[in-house]
N, C-alpha and C. Protein backbone atom coordinates (compact mmCIF):
# COMPACT_ATOMS: atom_id res chain seq x y z
N UNK A 1 0.82 -1.22 0.22
CA UNK A 1 -0.15 0.13 -0.12
C UNK A 1 0.80 1.15 0.01
N UNK A 2 0.51 2.22 -0.88
CA UNK A 2 1.49 3.15 -1.08
C UNK A 2 0.53 4.37 -1.38
N UNK A 3 1.15 5.82 -0.83
CA UNK A 3 0.11 6.74 -1.24
C UNK A 3 -1.27 7.08 -0.82
N UNK A 4 -1.32 6.00 -0.10
CA UNK A 4 -3.07 5.58 -0.05
C UNK A 4 -3.52 5.09 -0.89
N UNK A 5 -2.88 3.91 -1.63
CA UNK A 5 -3.42 3.35 -2.76
C UNK A 5 -2.64 1.92 -2.61
N UNK A 6 -3.29 0.97 -3.60
CA UNK A 6 -2.64 -0.08 -3.54
C UNK A 6 -1.77 -0.12 -4.81
N UNK A 7 -0.23 -0.45 -4.21
CA UNK A 7 0.69 -0.65 -5.46
C UNK A 7 1.03 -1.85 -6.20
N UNK A 8 0.71 -2.95 -5.59
CA UNK A 8 0.94 -4.38 -5.92
C UNK A 8 0.05 -5.23 -5.07
N UNK A 9 -0.57 -6.18 -5.81
CA UNK A 9 -1.48 -7.19 -5.21
C UNK A 9 -1.43 -8.32 -5.93
N UNK A 10 -1.20 -9.49 -5.30
CA UNK A 10 -1.02 -10.54 -5.66
C UNK A 10 -1.75 -11.86 -4.96
N UNK A 11 -2.85 -12.54 -5.50
CA UNK A 11 -3.18 -12.29 -6.86
C UNK A 11 -4.27 -10.89 -6.75
N UNK A 12 -4.48 -10.37 -8.03
CA UNK A 12 -5.02 -9.09 -8.11
C UNK A 12 -6.44 -9.09 -7.13
N UNK A 13 -6.82 -7.91 -6.54
CA UNK A 13 -7.99 -7.68 -5.83
C UNK A 13 -9.15 -7.65 -6.56
N UNK A 14 -9.20 -7.47 -7.76
CA UNK A 14 -10.23 -7.37 -8.97
C UNK A 14 -10.15 -8.42 -9.86
N UNK A 15 -10.83 -9.35 -10.01
CA UNK A 15 -10.74 -10.63 -10.90
C UNK A 15 -10.54 -9.73 -12.42
N UNK A 16 -9.62 -10.70 -13.19
CA UNK A 16 -9.40 -10.03 -14.42
C UNK A 16 -8.65 -8.88 -14.57
N UNK A 17 -7.79 -8.40 -13.34
CA UNK A 17 -6.80 -7.26 -13.58
C UNK A 17 -5.43 -7.86 -12.99
N UNK A 18 -4.39 -6.97 -13.43
CA UNK A 18 -3.16 -7.30 -13.39
C UNK A 18 -2.71 -7.18 -11.78
N UNK A 19 -1.41 -7.86 -11.43
CA UNK A 19 -1.07 -7.59 -9.97
C UNK A 19 -0.68 -6.22 -9.39
N UNK A 20 -0.23 -5.30 -10.75
CA UNK A 20 -0.08 -4.05 -10.73
C UNK A 20 -1.03 -3.03 -10.65
N UNK A 21 -2.52 -3.71 -10.71
CA UNK A 21 -3.46 -2.80 -10.83
C UNK A 21 -4.03 -2.26 -9.57
N UNK A 22 -4.39 -0.95 -9.86
CA UNK A 22 -4.58 -0.10 -8.39
C UNK A 22 -6.12 -0.22 -7.96
N UNK A 23 -6.72 -0.93 -8.48
CA UNK A 23 -8.23 -1.04 -8.57
C UNK A 23 -8.53 -2.02 -7.37
N UNK A 24 -9.80 -1.34 -6.81
CA UNK A 24 -9.82 -2.13 -5.34
C UNK A 24 -11.69 -2.20 -5.26
N UNK A 25 -12.06 -3.25 -4.97
CA UNK A 25 -13.39 -3.71 -5.26
C UNK A 25 -14.16 -2.66 -4.26
N UNK A 26 -15.25 -2.00 -4.46
CA UNK A 26 -16.09 -0.94 -3.73
C UNK A 26 -16.08 -1.01 -2.51
N UNK A 27 -16.42 -2.44 -1.89
CA UNK A 27 -16.42 -2.62 -0.58
C UNK A 27 -15.10 -2.48 0.06
N UNK A 28 -14.07 -2.69 -0.31
CA UNK A 28 -12.75 -2.24 0.23
C UNK A 28 -12.19 -1.07 -0.12
N UNK A 29 -12.93 -0.07 -0.54
CA UNK A 29 -12.33 1.19 -0.72
C UNK A 29 -11.39 1.87 0.31
N UNK A 30 -11.80 1.42 1.49
CA UNK A 30 -11.06 2.00 2.81
C UNK A 30 -9.74 0.95 3.04
N UNK A 31 -9.35 -0.09 2.56
CA UNK A 31 -8.17 -0.75 2.73
C UNK A 31 -6.98 -0.17 2.88
N UNK A 32 -6.67 0.97 2.14
CA UNK A 32 -5.53 1.28 2.19
C UNK A 32 -5.40 2.47 3.44
N UNK A 33 -6.35 2.80 3.85
CA UNK A 33 -6.40 3.48 5.05
C UNK A 33 -6.16 2.70 6.24
N UNK A 34 -6.79 1.65 6.10
CA UNK A 34 -6.72 0.48 7.53
C UNK A 34 -5.13 -0.23 7.53
N UNK A 35 -4.64 -0.42 6.22
CA UNK A 35 -3.18 -1.04 6.05
C UNK A 35 -2.33 -0.02 6.54
N UNK A 36 -2.50 1.24 6.30
CA UNK A 36 -1.27 2.45 6.60
C UNK A 36 -2.19 3.42 7.53
N UNK A 37 -2.21 3.16 8.49
CA UNK A 37 -3.06 4.25 9.40
C UNK A 37 -2.70 5.46 9.67
N UNK A 38 -3.36 6.79 9.66
CA UNK A 38 -3.04 7.76 10.16
C UNK A 38 -2.23 7.71 11.22
N UNK A 39 -1.00 8.59 11.10
CA UNK A 39 -0.05 8.77 12.30
C UNK A 39 0.76 7.59 12.17
N UNK A 40 0.95 6.86 10.99
CA UNK A 40 1.98 5.50 11.09
C UNK A 40 3.27 6.32 10.91
N UNK A 41 3.49 7.54 10.32
CA UNK A 41 4.53 8.21 10.25
C UNK A 41 5.49 8.33 11.57
N UNK A 42 4.81 8.19 12.67
CA UNK A 42 5.33 8.32 14.18
C UNK A 42 6.00 6.97 14.61
N UNK A 43 6.01 5.85 13.82
CA UNK A 43 6.44 4.72 14.13
C UNK A 43 7.39 4.30 13.15
N UNK A 44 8.54 3.82 13.29
CA UNK A 44 9.35 3.28 12.40
C UNK A 44 8.87 1.74 11.78
N UNK A 45 7.91 1.16 12.76
CA UNK A 45 7.28 -0.07 12.20
C UNK A 45 6.35 -0.34 13.12
N UNK A 46 5.20 -1.14 12.54
CA UNK A 46 4.28 -1.52 13.64
C UNK A 46 3.24 -2.59 12.95
N UNK A 47 2.44 -3.12 13.20
CA UNK A 47 1.29 -3.92 12.82
C UNK A 47 -0.07 -3.56 13.17
N UNK A 48 -1.22 -3.78 12.25
CA UNK A 48 -2.23 -3.31 12.30
C UNK A 48 -3.49 -4.61 11.81
N UNK A 49 -4.44 -4.81 12.88
CA UNK A 49 -5.34 -5.91 12.48
C UNK A 49 -6.45 -5.25 12.14
N UNK A 50 -7.47 -5.89 11.24
CA UNK A 50 -8.47 -5.27 10.83
C UNK A 50 -9.31 -6.22 9.84
N UNK A 51 -10.64 -5.66 9.84
CA UNK A 51 -11.30 -6.82 9.19
C UNK A 51 -12.33 -6.24 7.98
N UNK A 52 -12.43 -6.73 6.85
CA UNK A 52 -13.10 -6.03 5.78
C UNK A 52 -14.42 -6.88 5.33
N UNK A 53 -15.43 -6.07 5.01
CA UNK A 53 -16.83 -6.62 4.68
C UNK A 53 -16.68 -7.66 3.31
N UNK A 54 -17.56 -8.50 3.33
CA UNK A 54 -17.53 -9.68 2.47
C UNK A 54 -17.81 -8.71 0.94
N UNK A 55 -16.96 -9.35 -0.10
CA UNK A 55 -17.53 -8.49 -1.20
C UNK A 55 -19.04 -9.09 -1.68
N UNK A 56 -19.12 -8.22 -2.89
CA UNK A 56 -20.63 -8.56 -3.44
C UNK A 56 -21.11 -9.64 -3.79
N UNK A 57 -21.95 -10.40 -3.02
CA UNK A 57 -22.28 -11.69 -3.41
C UNK A 57 -21.55 -13.04 -2.89
N UNK A 58 -20.74 -12.58 -1.86
CA UNK A 58 -19.67 -13.40 -0.85
C UNK A 58 -20.15 -13.20 0.62
N UNK A 59 -20.18 -14.08 1.50
CA UNK A 59 -20.96 -14.08 2.77
C UNK A 59 -19.93 -14.22 3.86
N UNK A 60 -18.52 -14.22 3.33
CA UNK A 60 -17.46 -14.40 4.02
C UNK A 60 -16.38 -12.86 4.71
N UNK A 61 -16.49 -13.04 5.70
CA UNK A 61 -15.96 -11.83 6.56
C UNK A 61 -14.15 -12.07 5.89
N UNK A 62 -13.58 -10.81 5.76
CA UNK A 62 -11.94 -10.96 5.40
C UNK A 62 -11.31 -10.15 6.59
N UNK A 63 -10.30 -11.23 7.02
CA UNK A 63 -9.44 -10.62 8.09
C UNK A 63 -8.06 -10.26 7.58
N UNK A 64 -7.80 -8.97 8.04
CA UNK A 64 -6.55 -8.50 7.72
C UNK A 64 -5.72 -8.29 8.43
N UNK A 65 -4.13 -8.47 7.94
CA UNK A 65 -3.03 -8.14 9.01
C UNK A 65 -2.17 -7.10 8.19
N UNK A 66 -1.67 -6.32 8.51
CA UNK A 66 -0.99 -5.36 7.87
C UNK A 66 0.33 -4.82 8.54
N UNK A 67 1.60 -5.24 8.07
CA UNK A 67 2.78 -4.76 8.78
C UNK A 67 3.38 -3.63 7.94
N UNK A 68 3.74 -2.50 8.72
CA UNK A 68 4.13 -1.35 7.93
C UNK A 68 5.33 -1.04 8.81
N UNK A 69 6.30 -0.33 7.44
CA UNK A 69 7.61 0.17 8.25
C UNK A 69 7.97 1.47 7.19
N UNK A 70 9.02 2.10 7.43
CA UNK A 70 9.54 3.35 6.90
C UNK A 70 11.03 3.18 6.77
N UNK A 71 11.57 3.73 5.70
CA UNK A 71 12.90 3.87 5.46
C UNK A 71 13.35 4.98 4.72
N UNK A 72 14.29 5.47 4.87
CA UNK A 72 15.13 6.85 4.58
C UNK A 72 15.46 6.24 3.08
N UNK A 73 14.48 7.59 2.05
CA UNK A 73 14.64 7.07 0.84
C UNK A 73 16.08 7.18 0.22
N UNK A 74 17.19 7.77 0.64
CA UNK A 74 18.41 7.95 0.40
C UNK A 74 19.09 6.50 0.37
N UNK A 75 18.32 5.62 1.40
CA UNK A 75 19.12 4.24 1.64
C UNK A 75 18.76 3.49 0.57
N UNK A 76 17.83 3.45 -0.42
CA UNK A 76 17.21 2.48 -1.33
C UNK A 76 18.24 2.36 -2.35
N UNK A 77 18.38 0.98 -3.00
CA UNK A 77 19.27 0.97 -4.03
C UNK A 77 18.52 1.36 -5.46
N UNK A 78 17.12 1.40 -5.29
CA UNK A 78 16.67 1.66 -6.64
C UNK A 78 15.40 2.78 -6.12
N UNK A 79 15.54 3.83 -6.52
CA UNK A 79 14.65 4.55 -6.27
C UNK A 79 13.58 5.10 -7.44
N UNK A 80 12.66 4.59 -7.11
CA UNK A 80 11.54 5.18 -8.17
C UNK A 80 10.80 6.56 -8.18
N UNK A 81 10.55 6.78 -9.65
CA UNK A 81 10.14 8.22 -9.66
C UNK A 81 9.32 8.80 -8.82
N UNK A 82 8.28 8.02 -8.18
CA UNK A 82 7.37 8.56 -7.38
C UNK A 82 7.67 8.82 -6.17
N UNK A 83 8.82 8.67 -5.62
CA UNK A 83 9.62 8.58 -4.43
C UNK A 83 10.13 10.15 -4.11
N UNK A 84 9.26 10.96 -3.53
CA UNK A 84 9.70 12.45 -3.70
C UNK A 84 9.88 12.74 -2.08
N UNK A 85 9.76 12.17 -1.44
CA UNK A 85 9.90 12.64 0.31
C UNK A 85 11.16 11.95 0.58
N UNK A 86 11.62 12.43 2.27
CA UNK A 86 12.80 11.86 2.58
C UNK A 86 12.74 10.49 3.15
N UNK A 87 11.33 10.14 3.63
CA UNK A 87 11.09 8.58 4.12
C UNK A 87 10.25 7.99 3.06
N UNK A 88 10.20 6.55 3.21
CA UNK A 88 9.19 6.32 2.25
C UNK A 88 8.56 4.97 3.38
N UNK A 89 7.32 5.10 3.43
CA UNK A 89 6.52 4.19 4.01
C UNK A 89 5.49 3.32 3.28
N UNK A 90 5.66 2.11 3.50
CA UNK A 90 4.75 0.79 2.74
C UNK A 90 4.33 0.09 3.86
N UNK A 91 3.59 -0.57 3.42
CA UNK A 91 2.84 -1.80 4.43
C UNK A 91 2.58 -2.93 3.49
N UNK A 92 2.82 -4.15 3.81
CA UNK A 92 2.75 -5.30 3.35
C UNK A 92 1.47 -6.09 4.27
N UNK A 93 0.47 -6.21 3.32
CA UNK A 93 -0.67 -6.51 3.86
C UNK A 93 -1.51 -7.96 3.39
N UNK A 94 -1.84 -9.15 4.46
CA UNK A 94 -2.20 -10.06 4.04
C UNK A 94 -3.72 -10.04 4.21
N UNK A 95 -4.46 -10.57 3.68
CA UNK A 95 -5.93 -10.73 3.61
C UNK A 95 -6.53 -12.15 3.56
N UNK A 96 -7.22 -12.78 4.69
CA UNK A 96 -7.45 -14.21 4.85
C UNK A 96 -8.81 -14.21 5.05
N UNK A 97 -9.35 -15.53 4.72
CA UNK A 97 -10.73 -16.06 5.18
C UNK A 97 -10.77 -16.49 6.51
N UNK A 98 -9.44 -16.58 7.11
CA UNK A 98 -9.29 -17.39 8.47
C UNK A 98 -8.69 -16.20 9.55
N UNK A 99 -9.36 -16.28 10.72
CA UNK A 99 -8.90 -15.11 11.56
C UNK A 99 -7.76 -15.68 12.39
N UNK A 100 -6.48 -16.11 11.59
CA UNK A 100 -5.56 -16.20 12.27
C UNK A 100 -4.51 -15.24 12.57
N UNK A 101 -4.61 -14.24 13.10
CA UNK A 101 -4.19 -12.93 13.44
C UNK A 101 -2.86 -13.32 13.87
N UNK A 102 -2.63 -14.06 14.84
CA UNK A 102 -1.27 -13.91 15.28
C UNK A 102 -0.15 -14.74 14.63
N UNK A 103 -0.78 -15.91 14.11
CA UNK A 103 0.44 -16.49 13.11
C UNK A 103 0.29 -15.87 11.65
N UNK A 104 -0.80 -15.22 11.11
CA UNK A 104 -0.08 -14.16 10.14
C UNK A 104 0.78 -13.12 10.63
N UNK A 105 0.63 -12.52 11.57
CA UNK A 105 1.57 -11.46 12.15
C UNK A 105 3.02 -12.26 12.03
N UNK A 106 3.13 -13.06 12.70
CA UNK A 106 4.57 -13.82 12.67
C UNK A 106 5.13 -13.94 11.28
N UNK A 107 4.55 -14.51 10.41
CA UNK A 107 4.94 -14.75 9.19
C UNK A 107 5.25 -13.22 8.46
N UNK A 108 4.29 -12.37 8.72
CA UNK A 108 4.40 -11.21 7.79
C UNK A 108 5.34 -10.33 8.45
N UNK A 109 5.58 -10.21 9.67
CA UNK A 109 6.59 -9.45 10.21
C UNK A 109 8.33 -9.95 9.57
N UNK A 110 8.26 -11.38 9.32
CA UNK A 110 9.73 -11.57 9.11
C UNK A 110 9.81 -11.42 7.44
N UNK A 111 8.67 -11.40 6.89
CA UNK A 111 8.69 -10.88 5.14
C UNK A 111 8.84 -9.42 4.99
N UNK A 112 7.92 -8.84 5.81
CA UNK A 112 8.39 -7.27 5.67
C UNK A 112 9.49 -6.73 5.94
N UNK A 113 10.22 -7.30 6.77
CA UNK A 113 11.49 -7.14 7.14
C UNK A 113 12.37 -7.39 6.13
N UNK A 114 12.18 -8.47 5.49
CA UNK A 114 13.25 -9.19 4.53
C UNK A 114 12.91 -8.18 3.00
N UNK A 115 11.66 -7.84 3.00
CA UNK A 115 11.23 -7.08 1.81
C UNK A 115 11.88 -5.64 1.94
N UNK A 116 12.07 -4.85 3.06
CA UNK A 116 12.60 -3.57 3.52
C UNK A 116 14.08 -3.86 3.20
N UNK A 117 14.69 -4.89 3.59
CA UNK A 117 15.96 -5.32 3.59
C UNK A 117 16.53 -5.20 2.32
N UNK A 118 15.91 -5.60 1.47
CA UNK A 118 16.49 -5.69 -0.17
C UNK A 118 16.42 -4.10 -0.46
N UNK A 119 16.02 -3.12 -0.06
CA UNK A 119 16.01 -1.80 -0.26
C UNK A 119 15.57 -1.47 -2.09
N UNK A 120 14.73 -2.28 -2.31
CA UNK A 120 14.38 -2.20 -3.69
C UNK A 120 12.86 -2.86 -3.96
N UNK A 121 11.97 -1.77 -3.97
CA UNK A 121 10.76 -2.23 -3.71
C UNK A 121 10.12 -2.83 -5.09
N UNK A 122 11.11 -2.72 -6.17
CA UNK A 122 10.46 -3.61 -7.22
C UNK A 122 10.63 -5.16 -7.29
N UNK A 123 11.49 -5.48 -6.41
CA UNK A 123 11.68 -6.97 -6.19
C UNK A 123 10.50 -7.59 -5.06
N UNK A 124 9.33 -8.07 -6.27
CA UNK A 124 8.11 -8.67 -5.52
C UNK A 124 7.98 -9.92 -5.34
N UNK A 125 9.09 -10.78 -5.76
CA UNK A 125 9.24 -12.34 -5.92
C UNK A 125 8.83 -12.67 -4.42
N UNK A 126 9.41 -12.04 -3.29
CA UNK A 126 9.16 -12.41 -2.13
C UNK A 126 7.72 -12.34 -1.76
N UNK A 127 6.97 -11.29 -2.12
CA UNK A 127 5.64 -10.98 -1.98
C UNK A 127 4.75 -12.32 -2.45
N UNK A 128 4.92 -12.67 -3.55
CA UNK A 128 4.35 -14.02 -4.05
C UNK A 128 4.76 -15.24 -3.51
N UNK A 129 5.87 -15.50 -2.94
CA UNK A 129 6.50 -16.65 -2.35
C UNK A 129 5.55 -16.60 -1.01
N UNK A 130 5.44 -15.36 -0.38
CA UNK A 130 4.48 -15.52 0.89
C UNK A 130 3.15 -15.92 0.71
N UNK A 131 2.71 -15.47 -0.39
CA UNK A 131 1.17 -15.91 -0.72
C UNK A 131 1.26 -17.39 -1.18
N UNK A 132 2.20 -17.86 -1.83
CA UNK A 132 2.28 -19.23 -2.46
C UNK A 132 2.18 -19.88 -1.00
N UNK A 133 3.26 -19.70 -0.08
CA UNK A 133 3.49 -20.68 0.85
C UNK A 133 2.27 -20.29 1.95
N UNK A 134 1.51 -19.49 2.35
CA UNK A 134 0.57 -19.32 3.20
C UNK A 134 -0.66 -19.80 2.77
N UNK A 135 -0.80 -19.78 1.43
CA UNK A 135 -1.79 -20.34 0.59
C UNK A 135 -1.73 -22.01 0.63
N UNK A 136 -0.58 -22.69 0.61
CA UNK A 136 -0.65 -24.00 0.70
C UNK A 136 -0.40 -24.37 2.51
N UNK A 137 0.10 -23.89 3.28
CA UNK A 137 0.10 -24.11 4.52
C UNK A 137 -0.76 -23.77 5.66
N UNK A 138 -1.34 -22.76 5.29
CA UNK A 138 -2.60 -22.17 6.12
C UNK A 138 -4.26 -22.86 5.78
N UNK A 139 -4.59 -23.49 6.39
CA UNK A 139 -6.11 -23.88 6.28
C UNK A 139 -7.01 -24.00 7.60
N UNK A 140 -8.35 -24.29 7.25
CA UNK A 140 -9.33 -24.22 8.45
C UNK A 140 -8.89 -25.02 9.68
N UNK A 141 -7.94 -26.33 9.25
CA UNK A 141 -7.80 -26.98 10.41
C UNK A 141 -6.99 -26.38 11.58
N UNK A 142 -6.03 -25.34 11.06
CA UNK A 142 -5.57 -24.58 12.14
C UNK A 142 -6.54 -23.97 13.32
N UNK A 143 -7.83 -23.63 12.88
CA UNK A 143 -8.80 -22.90 13.74
C UNK A 143 -8.87 -23.98 14.86
N UNK A 144 -8.64 -25.17 14.98
CA UNK A 144 -9.20 -26.15 15.78
C UNK A 144 -7.67 -26.42 16.76
N UNK A 145 -6.45 -25.80 16.63
CA UNK A 145 -5.11 -26.14 17.39
C UNK A 145 -4.94 -24.66 17.83
N UNK A 146 -4.02 -24.80 18.55
CA UNK A 146 -3.58 -23.75 19.66
C UNK A 146 -2.79 -22.56 18.86
N UNK A 147 -2.69 -22.89 17.23
CA UNK A 147 -2.03 -22.01 16.42
C UNK A 147 -2.98 -20.77 16.28
N UNK A 148 -4.01 -21.04 16.46
CA UNK A 148 -5.27 -19.92 16.28
C UNK A 148 -5.11 -18.83 17.32
N UNK A 149 -4.57 -19.43 18.35
CA UNK A 149 -4.39 -18.26 19.37
C UNK A 149 -3.06 -17.58 19.55
N UNK A 150 -2.14 -17.99 18.98
CA UNK A 150 -0.76 -17.56 18.78
C UNK A 150 -0.82 -15.98 19.07
N UNK A 151 -0.17 -15.43 19.97
CA UNK A 151 0.11 -14.19 20.22
C UNK A 151 -0.85 -13.50 20.85
N UNK A 152 -1.84 -13.91 21.04
CA UNK A 152 -3.17 -13.43 21.75
C UNK A 152 -3.27 -13.52 23.34
N UNK A 153 -3.37 -12.79 24.12
CA UNK A 153 -3.47 -12.89 25.46
C UNK A 153 -4.46 -12.53 26.10
N UNK A 154 -5.03 -13.82 26.78
CA UNK A 154 -6.09 -13.59 27.34
C UNK A 154 -6.41 -12.41 28.48
N UNK A 155 -5.06 -12.20 29.35
CA UNK A 155 -4.68 -10.98 30.00
C UNK A 155 -5.11 -9.89 29.37
N UNK A 156 -4.55 -9.46 28.39
CA UNK A 156 -4.49 -8.34 27.82
C UNK A 156 -5.82 -7.75 27.19
N UNK A 157 -6.50 -9.01 26.86
CA UNK A 157 -8.04 -8.70 26.28
C UNK A 157 -8.90 -8.38 27.55
N UNK A 158 -8.80 -8.72 28.72
CA UNK A 158 -9.51 -8.39 29.92
C UNK A 158 -9.29 -7.27 30.33
N UNK A 159 -7.69 -6.83 30.32
CA UNK A 159 -7.35 -5.66 30.72
C UNK A 159 -7.74 -4.32 29.65
N UNK A 160 -7.83 -4.62 28.56
CA UNK A 160 -8.38 -3.60 27.67
C UNK A 160 -9.93 -3.42 27.64
N UNK A 161 -10.57 -4.43 27.77
CA UNK A 161 -12.14 -4.59 27.58
C UNK A 161 -12.75 -4.57 29.08
N UNK A 162 -12.10 -4.86 30.07
CA UNK A 162 -12.63 -5.07 31.20
C UNK A 162 -14.08 -5.67 31.38
N UNK A 163 -15.03 -4.97 32.00
CA UNK A 163 -16.36 -5.60 32.23
C UNK A 163 -16.99 -5.88 31.00
N UNK A 164 -16.50 -5.28 29.90
CA UNK A 164 -16.91 -5.33 28.38
C UNK A 164 -16.91 -6.76 27.65
N UNK A 165 -15.83 -7.66 28.32
CA UNK A 165 -15.19 -8.60 27.53
C UNK A 165 -16.50 -9.70 27.57
N UNK A 166 -17.27 -9.69 28.30
CA UNK A 166 -18.43 -10.53 28.10
C UNK A 166 -19.52 -10.22 27.13
N UNK A 167 -19.32 -8.91 26.75
CA UNK A 167 -20.11 -8.40 25.57
C UNK A 167 -19.79 -8.89 24.08
N UNK A 168 -18.26 -9.21 24.23
CA UNK A 168 -17.63 -9.38 23.14
C UNK A 168 -17.84 -10.89 22.22
N UNK A 169 -18.20 -11.73 23.20
CA UNK A 169 -18.57 -13.09 22.98
C UNK A 169 -20.07 -13.26 22.21
């Protein structure tokens, strides 16, 4: 996600379009704002969790995890023409039909770090490999095991929501 738009998507977010398409389904028009939130420039890196409504004709909620970082533009090996500021902020986002937030975050943080370490945002093969790996290794059977709760703290849940925690269920 870049300049509050989608720079690259694999597979494309809109059927029939290329991976470099900037098009978004109407139901997901706020995806760039969720993946790279306001105030992100105040942090070197962070992770955001969100969900998207089903696309037209679908009934499944889409769960999102976005890891964003920033890097000084002068540190880039390849500086594209659209990079005009001193720092570049980008997010790498995974959309899933399964609410495996902690597991997705663990994998996504590693890939985002590696993607930024390339210092060349034209190198998208690592992003395609992430999709292929996750698509082949993550399944609904993971919801039955402890991996579904990776990174989730019951203590933090209670501290954050206090007496309202019962309402969440």
